């Protein structure tokens, strides 16, 4: 009974938590903030993709969409960190020294290593580690029964990468989801938001301590991947927290 409850409690709990938000979202015609059934819900990937190979060949289905990022409630964050996790998360930490971040002479806050919450995103999307490479697995999970290849979000044509099939011909192209470790041509992350001081006239001050009223967020006063992208509702185009034509002007005054 304990294993049965542990196996099912996260999806059920997530659904119960999501229901009020789903009802509210339906009332105002805004996509609900939920992971169940979305592209980040690996437990439902078979049904959406129309194939049965994904969670048995490509990656392991752990029975809960939460465990691929979040530390199970019966585990300790300190233990996860001791095992090499991204601090506070259930993902193994990527090689932080391999990232080459955006920089310019006008960037006030120089950053060499992404913050943990952005490392969480990069631990899948940099293409160096398998999508199911978690520190803890659910209780009852048997590694001896695991036959998956543990593929990476990588466009390479090899048996370790999703790009072997997801090349635009056999299946949809995975390349756009493979960010890599060279982030010099991407929006800067993990730097303190320039609009906090109200001294930089090129940036809007945030509406509150957590960011802007339109959903764009700050994390410990910093701009992160999740500032603009909502990982819990990835069925929205490009995972954006607000309309693409209004996103940039949330922060930038141009």
C-alpha atoms as a PDB file:
ATOM      1  CA  UNK A   1       0.000   0.000   0.000  1.00  0.00           C
ATOM      2  CA  UNK A   2       2.829   2.393   0.818  1.00  0.00           C
ATOM      3  CA  UNK A   3       4.458   1.860  -2.579  1.00  0.00           C
ATOM      4  CA  UNK A   4       1.115   2.266  -4.327  1.00  0.00           C
ATOM      5  CA  UNK A   5       0.469   5.567  -2.538  1.00  0.00           C
ATOM      6  CA  UNK A   6       3.996   6.827  -3.168  1.00  0.00           C
ATOM      7  CA  UNK A   7       3.696   5.972  -6.861  1.00  0.00           C
ATOM      8  CA  UNK A   8       0.428   7.818  -7.363  1.00  0.00           C
ATOM      9  CA  UNK A   9       0.426  10.612  -4.801  1.00  0.00           C
ATOM     10  CA  UNK A  10       2.377  13.162  -6.845  1.00  0.00           C
ATOM     11  CA  UNK A  11       0.172  13.088  -9.964  1.00  0.00           C
ATOM     12  CA  UNK A  12      -2.946  13.194  -7.790  1.00  0.00           C
ATOM     13  CA  UNK A  13      -1.558  15.974  -5.612  1.00  0.00           C
ATOM     14  CA  UNK A  14      -0.491  17.976  -8.665  1.00  0.00           C
ATOM     15  CA  UNK A  15      -3.963  17.598 -10.129  1.00  0.00           C
ATOM     16  CA  UNK A  16      -5.641  18.743  -6.917  1.00  0.00           C
ATOM     17  CA  UNK A  17      -3.346  21.746  -6.711  1.00  0.00           C
ATOM     18  CA  UNK A  18      -3.888  22.591 -10.372  1.00  0.00           C
ATOM     19  CA  UNK A  19      -7.710  22.367 -10.360  1.00  0.00           C
ATOM     20  CA  UNK A  20      -8.404  25.852  -8.891  1.00  0.00           C
ATOM     21  CA  UNK A  21      -5.949  27.429 -11.348  1.00  0.00           C
ATOM     22  CA  UNK A  22      -7.522  25.512 -14.240  1.00  0.00           C
ATOM     23  CA  UNK A  23     -11.011  26.698 -13.313  1.00  0.00           C
ATOM     24  CA  UNK A  24      -9.815  30.288 -12.987  1.00  0.00           C
ATOM     25  CA  UNK A  25      -7.921  30.094 -16.270  1.00  0.00           C
ATOM     26  CA  UNK A  26     -10.985  28.777 -18.076  1.00  0.00           C
ATOM     27  CA  UNK A  27     -13.018  31.700 -16.748  1.00  0.00           C
ATOM     28  CA  UNK A  28     -10.583  34.279 -18.126  1.00  0.00           C
ATOM     29  CA  UNK A  29      -9.622  32.357 -21.289  1.00  0.00           C
ATOM     30  CA  UNK A  30      -5.933  31.984 -20.380  1.00  0.00           C
ATOM     31  CA  UNK A  31      -4.021  28.694 -20.696  1.00  0.00           C
ATOM     32  CA  UNK A  32      -3.882  26.950 -17.289  1.00  0.00           C
ATOM     33  CA  UNK A  33      -0.603  26.723 -15.422  1.00  0.00           C
ATOM     34  CA  UNK A  34      -0.103  22.988 -15.209  1.00  0.00           C
ATOM     35  CA  UNK A  35       2.406  20.328 -16.179  1.00  0.00           C
ATOM     36  CA  UNK A  36       0.020  17.369 -16.456  1.00  0.00           C
ATOM     37  CA  UNK A  37      -0.453  16.511 -20.101  1.00  0.00           C
ATOM     38  CA  UNK A  38       2.131  19.071 -21.246  1.00  0.00           C
ATOM     39  CA  UNK A  39       5.398  18.508 -23.087  1.00  0.00           C
ATOM     40  CA  UNK A  40       7.234  18.295 -19.774  1.00  0.00           C
ATOM     41  CA  UNK A  41       4.966  15.506 -18.556  1.00  0.00           C
ATOM     42  CA  UNK A  42       7.027  12.498 -19.604  1.00  0.00           C
ATOM     43  CA  UNK A  43       4.490  10.097 -18.118  1.00  0.00           C
ATOM     44  CA  UNK A  44       2.016  11.058 -20.850  1.00  0.00           C
ATOM     45  CA  UNK A  45       4.412  11.244 -23.782  1.00  0.00           C
ATOM     46  CA  UNK A  46       3.329   7.921 -25.315  1.00  0.00           C
ATOM     47  CA  UNK A  47      -0.269   9.037 -25.690  1.00  0.00           C
ATOM     48  CA  UNK A  48       0.644  12.396 -27.210  1.00  0.00           C
ATOM     49  CA  UNK A  49       3.325  11.035 -29.537  1.00  0.00           C
ATOM     50  CA  UNK A  50       1.290   8.046 -30.664  1.00  0.00           C
ATOM     51  CA  UNK A  51       4.179   5.616 -30.117  1.00  0.00           C
ATOM     52  CA  UNK A  52       5.018   3.220 -27.304  1.00  0.00           C
ATOM     53  CA  UNK A  53       8.815   3.379 -27.415  1.00  0.00           C
ATOM     54  CA  UNK A  54       9.430   6.701 -25.737  1.00  0.00           C
ATOM     55  CA  UNK A  55       9.419   5.945 -21.977  1.00  0.00           C
ATOM     56  CA  UNK A  56      10.704   2.386 -22.434  1.00  0.00           C
ATOM     57  CA  UNK A  57      13.455   2.964 -25.005  1.00  0.00           C
ATOM     58  CA  UNK A  58      14.295   6.687 -24.982  1.00  0.00           C
ATOM     59  CA  UNK A  59      13.970   7.303 -21.238  1.00  0.00           C
ATOM     60  CA  UNK A  60      12.572   5.816 -18.048  1.00  0.00           C
ATOM     61  CA  UNK A  61       9.000   6.527 -16.994  1.00  0.00           C
ATOM     62  CA  UNK A  62       9.173   7.144 -13.244  1.00  0.00           C
ATOM     63  CA  UNK A  63       5.401   7.390 -12.873  1.00  0.00           C
ATOM     64  CA  UNK A  64       5.278  11.077 -11.953  1.00  0.00           C
ATOM     65  CA  UNK A  65       5.963  14.215 -14.004  1.00  0.00           C
ATOM     66  CA  UNK A  66       7.323  15.955 -10.901  1.00  0.00           C
ATOM     67  CA  UNK A  67      10.248  13.662 -10.118  1.00  0.00           C
ATOM     68  CA  UNK A  68      12.246  14.654 -13.211  1.00  0.00           C
ATOM     69  CA  UNK A  69      12.907  18.054 -11.594  1.00  0.00           C
ATOM     70  CA  UNK A  70      11.649  18.075  -8.001  1.00  0.00           C
ATOM     71  CA  UNK A  71      13.179  16.241  -5.047  1.00  0.00           C
ATOM     72  CA  UNK A  72      10.676  13.641  -3.777  1.00  0.00           C
ATOM     73  CA  UNK A  73       9.021  14.755  -0.527  1.00  0.00           C
ATOM     74  CA  UNK A  74      10.393  11.748   1.327  1.00  0.00           C
ATOM     75  CA  UNK A  75      13.986  12.661   0.384  1.00  0.00           C
ATOM     76  CA  UNK A  76      16.266  15.351   1.772  1.00  0.00           C
ATOM     77  CA  UNK A  77      17.687  18.211  -0.297  1.00  0.00           C
ATOM     78  CA  UNK A  78      20.998  17.949   1.554  1.00  0.00           C
ATOM     79  CA  UNK A  79      21.295  14.312   0.530  1.00  0.00           C
ATOM     80  CA  UNK A  80      20.540  15.248  -3.069  1.00  0.00           C
ATOM     81  CA  UNK A  81      23.246  17.915  -3.003  1.00  0.00           C
ATOM     82  CA  UNK A  82      25.740  15.432  -1.563  1.00  0.00           C
ATOM     83  CA  UNK A  83      24.973  13.148  -4.507  1.00  0.00           C
ATOM     84  CA  UNK A  84      25.769  15.919  -6.996  1.00  0.00           C
ATOM     85  CA  UNK A  85      22.382  17.495  -7.652  1.00  0.00           C
ATOM     86  CA  UNK A  86      21.629  20.943  -8.940  1.00  0.00           C
ATOM     87  CA  UNK A  87      21.197  22.712  -5.563  1.00  0.00           C
ATOM     88  CA  UNK A  88      17.573  22.319  -4.467  1.00  0.00           C
ATOM     89  CA  UNK A  89      16.565  20.059  -7.362  1.00  0.00           C
ATOM     90  CA  UNK A  90      16.457  16.398  -8.331  1.00  0.00           C
ATOM     91  CA  UNK A  91      18.658  16.731 -11.420  1.00  0.00           C
ATOM     92  CA  UNK A  92      22.354  15.939 -11.592  1.00  0.00           C
ATOM     93  CA  UNK A  93      24.345  19.125 -11.977  1.00  0.00           C
ATOM     94  CA  UNK A  94      25.884  19.673 -15.416  1.00  0.00           C
ATOM     95  CA  UNK A  95      29.524  20.670 -15.751  1.00  0.00           C
ATOM     96  CA  UNK A  96      29.170  24.334 -14.781  1.00  0.00           C
ATOM     97  CA  UNK A  97      32.563  25.259 -16.189  1.00  0.00           C
ATOM     98  CA  UNK A  98      31.481  24.251 -19.690  1.00  0.00           C
ATOM     99  CA  UNK A  99      29.005  27.115 -20.125  1.00  0.00           C
ATOM    100  CA  UNK A 100      30.023  30.183 -22.071  1.00  0.00           C
ATOM    101  CA  UNK A 101      27.557  32.919 -21.111  1.00  0.00           C
ATOM    102  CA  UNK A 102      26.566  36.111 -22.883  1.00  0.00           C
ATOM    103  CA  UNK A 103      28.766  39.113 -22.178  1.00  0.00           C
ATOM    104  CA  UNK A 104      29.213  42.641 -23.485  1.00  0.00           C
ATOM    105  CA  UNK A 105      30.965  45.854 -22.446  1.00  0.00           C
ATOM    106  CA  UNK A 106      27.597  47.356 -21.446  1.00  0.00           C
ATOM    107  CA  UNK A 107      26.597  44.468 -19.183  1.00  0.00           C
ATOM    108  CA  UNK A 108      26.911  45.702 -15.613  1.00  0.00           C
ATOM    109  CA  UNK A 109      26.558  42.360 -13.850  1.00  0.00           C
ATOM    110  CA  UNK A 110      29.092  39.809 -15.075  1.00  0.00           C
ATOM    111  CA  UNK A 111      28.092  36.174 -14.567  1.00  0.00           C
ATOM    112  CA  UNK A 112      30.346  33.147 -15.054  1.00  0.00           C
ATOM    113  CA  UNK A 113      28.042  30.346 -13.874  1.00  0.00           C
ATOM    114  CA  UNK A 114      24.243  30.080 -14.218  1.00  0.00           C
ATOM    115  CA  UNK A 115      22.169  30.084 -11.025  1.00  0.00           C
ATOM    116  CA  UNK A 116      20.750  26.730  -9.866  1.00  0.00           C
ATOM    117  CA  UNK A 117      17.260  27.373 -11.270  1.00  0.00           C
ATOM    118  CA  UNK A 118      18.725  27.979 -14.746  1.00  0.00           C
ATOM    119  CA  UNK A 119      21.110  25.051 -14.335  1.00  0.00           C
ATOM    120  CA  UNK A 120      17.993  22.956 -13.831  1.00  0.00           C
ATOM    121  CA  UNK A 121      16.752  23.917 -17.306  1.00  0.00           C
ATOM    122  CA  UNK A 122      20.182  23.531 -18.850  1.00  0.00           C
ATOM    123  CA  UNK A 123      20.666  20.089 -17.307  1.00  0.00           C
ATOM    124  CA  UNK A 124      18.288  18.837 -20.002  1.00  0.00           C
ATOM    125  CA  UNK A 125      18.538  21.439 -22.733  1.00  0.00           C
ATOM    126  CA  UNK A 126      22.328  21.730 -22.924  1.00  0.00           C
ATOM    127  CA  UNK A 127      22.254  18.262 -24.474  1.00  0.00           C
ATOM    128  CA  UNK A 128      24.936  16.737 -22.240  1.00  0.00           C
ATOM    129  CA  UNK A 129      22.797  14.585 -19.925  1.00  0.00           C
ATOM    130  CA  UNK A 130      19.824  12.280 -20.327  1.00  0.00           C
ATOM    131  CA  UNK A 131      16.367  13.694 -19.663  1.00  0.00           C
ATOM    132  CA  UNK A 132      15.772  11.031 -16.978  1.00  0.00           C
ATOM    133  CA  UNK A 133      19.094  11.582 -15.186  1.00  0.00           C
ATOM    134  CA  UNK A 134      17.649  12.272 -11.740  1.00  0.00           C
ATOM    135  CA  UNK A 135      19.328  11.926  -8.370  1.00  0.00           C
ATOM    136  CA  UNK A 136      16.419  10.099  -6.708  1.00  0.00           C
ATOM    137  CA  UNK A 137      13.932   7.683  -8.278  1.00  0.00           C
ATOM    138  CA  UNK A 138      10.520   6.912  -6.782  1.00  0.00           C
ATOM    139  CA  UNK A 139      10.288   4.229  -4.118  1.00  0.00           C
ATOM    140  CA  UNK A 140       9.895   0.820  -5.699  1.00  0.00           C
ATOM    141  CA  UNK A 141      11.772   1.721  -8.873  1.00  0.00           C
ATOM    142  CA  UNK A 142      13.966  -1.209  -9.914  1.00  0.00           C
ATOM    143  CA  UNK A 143      17.110  -0.308 -11.844  1.00  0.00           C
ATOM    144  CA  UNK A 144      17.482  -3.956 -12.816  1.00  0.00           C
ATOM    145  CA  UNK A 145      14.331  -3.691 -14.944  1.00  0.00           C
ATOM    146  CA  UNK A 146      15.479  -0.519 -16.690  1.00  0.00           C
ATOM    147  CA  UNK A 147      16.072  -1.077 -20.417  1.00  0.00           C
ATOM    148  CA  UNK A 148      15.932   2.544 -21.597  1.00  0.00           C
ATOM    149  CA  UNK A 149      18.754   4.170 -23.571  1.00  0.00           C
ATOM    150  CA  UNK A 150      18.517   7.369 -21.475  1.00  0.00           C
ATOM    151  CA  UNK A 151      18.738   9.718 -24.443  1.00  0.00           C
ATOM    152  CA  UNK A 152      19.812  13.374 -24.382  1.00  0.00           C
ATOM    153  CA  UNK A 153      18.050  16.385 -25.892  1.00  0.00           C
ATOM    154  CA  UNK A 154      20.753  16.629 -28.499  1.00  0.00           C
ATOM    155  CA  UNK A 155      20.538  16.943 -32.273  1.00  0.00           C
ATOM    156  CA  UNK A 156      23.478  14.614 -32.874  1.00  0.00           C
ATOM    157  CA  UNK A 157      22.996  11.506 -35.025  1.00  0.00           C
ATOM    158  CA  UNK A 158      24.003   8.886 -32.465  1.00  0.00           C
ATOM    159  CA  UNK A 159      22.361   6.351 -30.155  1.00  0.00           C
ATOM    160  CA  UNK A 160      22.831   8.629 -27.124  1.00  0.00           C
ATOM    161  CA  UNK A 161      20.850  11.512 -28.623  1.00  0.00           C
ATOM    162  CA  UNK A 162      17.229  12.208 -29.470  1.00  0.00           C
ATOM    163  CA  UNK A 163      18.489  13.577 -32.803  1.00  0.00           C
ATOM    164  CA  UNK A 164      19.028  10.019 -34.017  1.00  0.00           C
ATOM    165  CA  UNK A 165      15.305   9.925 -34.856  1.00  0.00           C
ATOM    166  CA  UNK A 166      14.192  13.519 -34.229  1.00  0.00           C
ATOM    167  CA  UNK A 167      15.904  14.900 -37.308  1.00  0.00           C
ATOM    168  CA  UNK A 168      12.962  16.440 -39.137  1.00  0.00           C
ATOM    169  CA  UNK A 169      12.439  13.359 -41.307  1.00  0.00           C
ATOM    170  CA  UNK A 170      11.777  10.362 -39.071  1.00  0.00           C
ATOM    171  CA  UNK A 171      10.250  12.608 -36.379  1.00  0.00           C
ATOM    172  CA  UNK A 172      10.049  16.324 -35.631  1.00  0.00           C
ATOM    173  CA  UNK A 173      13.409  18.061 -35.327  1.00  0.00           C
ATOM    174  CA  UNK A 174      14.824  18.278 -31.790  1.00  0.00           C
ATOM    175  CA  UNK A 175      17.502  20.834 -32.686  1.00  0.00           C
ATOM    176  CA  UNK A 176      15.504  23.881 -31.537  1.00  0.00           C
ATOM    177  CA  UNK A 177      15.254  22.369 -28.039  1.00  0.00           C
ATOM    178  CA  UNK A 178      18.995  21.683 -27.916  1.00  0.00           C
ATOM    179  CA  UNK A 179      20.472  24.934 -26.557  1.00  0.00           C
ATOM    180  CA  UNK A 180      23.981  23.601 -26.001  1.00  0.00           C
ATOM    181  CA  UNK A 181      26.639  25.044 -23.689  1.00  0.00           C
ATOM    182  CA  UNK A 182      27.563  28.098 -25.782  1.00  0.00           C
ATOM    183  CA  UNK A 183      25.066  30.722 -24.607  1.00  0.00           C
ATOM    184  CA  UNK A 184      26.861  33.750 -26.022  1.00  0.00           C
ATOM    185  CA  UNK A 185      24.099  34.298 -28.589  1.00  0.00           C
ATOM    186  CA  UNK A 186      21.274  33.820 -26.080  1.00  0.00           C
ATOM    187  CA  UNK A 187      19.655  36.292 -23.720  1.00  0.00           C
ATOM    188  CA  UNK A 188      21.864  36.731 -20.625  1.00  0.00           C
ATOM    189  CA  UNK A 189      20.768  34.828 -17.528  1.00  0.00           C
ATOM    190  CA  UNK A 190      21.478  34.815 -13.795  1.00  0.00           C
ATOM    191  CA  UNK A 191      22.413  38.502 -13.673  1.00  0.00           C
ATOM    192  CA  UNK A 192      20.753  40.968 -11.295  1.00  0.00           C
ATOM    193  CA  UNK A 193      17.915  42.742 -13.081  1.00  0.00           C
ATOM    194  CA  UNK A 194      19.056  46.229 -14.125  1.00  0.00           C
ATOM    195  CA  UNK A 195      15.674  47.809 -13.393  1.00  0.00           C
ATOM    196  CA  UNK A 196      15.834  47.144  -9.666  1.00  0.00           C
ATOM    197  CA  UNK A 197      17.851  50.240  -8.831  1.00  0.00           C
ATOM    198  CA  UNK A 198      15.616  52.611 -10.857  1.00  0.00           C
ATOM    199  CA  UNK A 199      18.862  54.243 -12.041  1.00  0.00           C
ATOM    200  CA  UNK A 200      18.975  52.614 -15.482  1.00  0.00           C
ATOM    201  CA  UNK A 201      16.531  54.455 -17.703  1.00  0.00           C
ATOM    202  CA  UNK A 202      16.509  51.617 -20.232  1.00  0.00           C
ATOM    203  CA  UNK A 203      14.648  49.238 -17.909  1.00  0.00           C
ATOM    204  CA  UNK A 204      11.237  49.223 -16.269  1.00  0.00           C
ATOM    205  CA  UNK A 205      11.095  48.741 -12.502  1.00  0.00           C
ATOM    206  CA  UNK A 206       9.309  45.498 -11.528  1.00  0.00           C
ATOM    207  CA  UNK A 207       5.722  45.631 -10.302  1.00  0.00           C
ATOM    208  CA  UNK A 208       6.576  43.685  -7.166  1.00  0.00           C
ATOM    209  CA  UNK A 209       9.276  41.641  -5.436  1.00  0.00           C
ATOM    210  CA  UNK A 210       8.690  38.652  -7.710  1.00  0.00           C
ATOM    211  CA  UNK A 211       8.578  40.429 -11.046  1.00  0.00           C
ATOM    212  CA  UNK A 212       5.850  41.851 -13.265  1.00  0.00           C
ATOM    213  CA  UNK A 213       2.077  41.651 -13.244  1.00  0.00           C
ATOM    214  CA  UNK A 214       1.988  40.043 -16.702  1.00  0.00           C
ATOM    215  CA  UNK A 215       3.743  36.927 -15.354  1.00  0.00           C
ATOM    216  CA  UNK A 216       7.387  37.678 -16.143  1.00  0.00           C
ATOM    217  CA  UNK A 217       9.305  36.725 -12.997  1.00  0.00           C
ATOM    218  CA  UNK A 218      12.479  37.553 -11.114  1.00  0.00           C
ATOM    219  CA  UNK A 219      14.260  34.967  -8.996  1.00  0.00           C
ATOM    220  CA  UNK A 220      16.208  36.442  -6.095  1.00  0.00           C
ATOM    221  CA  UNK A 221      16.208  39.693  -8.101  1.00  0.00           C
ATOM    222  CA  UNK A 222      17.806  37.897 -11.063  1.00  0.00           C
ATOM    223  CA  UNK A 223      16.782  37.196 -14.639  1.00  0.00           C
ATOM    224  CA  UNK A 224      16.698  33.450 -15.289  1.00  0.00           C
ATOM    225  CA  UNK A 225      15.448  31.089 -17.992  1.00  0.00           C
ATOM    226  CA  UNK A 226      12.165  30.794 -16.102  1.00  0.00           C
ATOM    227  CA  UNK A 227      11.737  34.571 -15.995  1.00  0.00           C
ATOM    228  CA  UNK A 228      10.332  34.464 -19.518  1.00  0.00           C
ATOM    229  CA  UNK A 229       9.522  30.757 -19.900  1.00  0.00           C
ATOM    230  CA  UNK A 230       6.879  28.882 -17.917  1.00  0.00           C
ATOM    231  CA  UNK A 231       8.035  25.283 -17.625  1.00  0.00           C
ATOM    232  CA  UNK A 232       4.761  24.203 -16.015  1.00  0.00           C
ATOM    233  CA  UNK A 233       2.777  25.177 -19.088  1.00  0.00           C
ATOM    234  CA  UNK A 234       5.019  24.326 -22.032  1.00  0.00           C
ATOM    235  CA  UNK A 235       2.109  23.844 -24.434  1.00  0.00           C
ATOM    236  CA  UNK A 236       2.014  27.642 -24.799  1.00  0.00           C
ATOM    237  CA  UNK A 237       4.076  28.735 -27.807  1.00  0.00           C
ATOM    238  CA  UNK A 238       7.794  28.880 -26.874  1.00  0.00           C
ATOM    239  CA  UNK A 239       6.747  28.460 -23.214  1.00  0.00           C
ATOM    240  CA  UNK A 240       6.399  32.231 -22.936  1.00  0.00           C
ATOM    241  CA  UNK A 241       4.867  33.826 -19.851  1.00  0.00           C
ATOM    242  CA  UNK A 242       3.252  36.600 -21.879  1.00  0.00           C
ATOM    243  CA  UNK A 243       2.580  37.480 -25.520  1.00  0.00           C
ATOM    244  CA  UNK A 244       5.690  37.361 -27.703  1.00  0.00           C
ATOM    245  CA  UNK A 245       5.042  40.840 -29.099  1.00  0.00           C
ATOM    246  CA  UNK A 246       4.954  42.306 -25.576  1.00  0.00           C
ATOM    247  CA  UNK A 247       7.580  40.177 -23.845  1.00  0.00           C
ATOM    248  CA  UNK A 248      10.686  42.284 -24.458  1.00  0.00           C
ATOM    249  CA  UNK A 249       9.040  45.570 -23.532  1.00  0.00           C
ATOM    250  CA  UNK A 250       8.121  44.125 -20.140  1.00  0.00           C
ATOM    251  CA  UNK A 251      11.679  44.872 -19.064  1.00  0.00           C
ATOM    252  CA  UNK A 252      13.226  46.972 -21.822  1.00  0.00           C
ATOM    253  CA  UNK A 253      12.316  50.574 -22.580  1.00  0.00           C
ATOM    254  CA  UNK A 254      13.081  51.075 -26.261  1.00  0.00           C
END
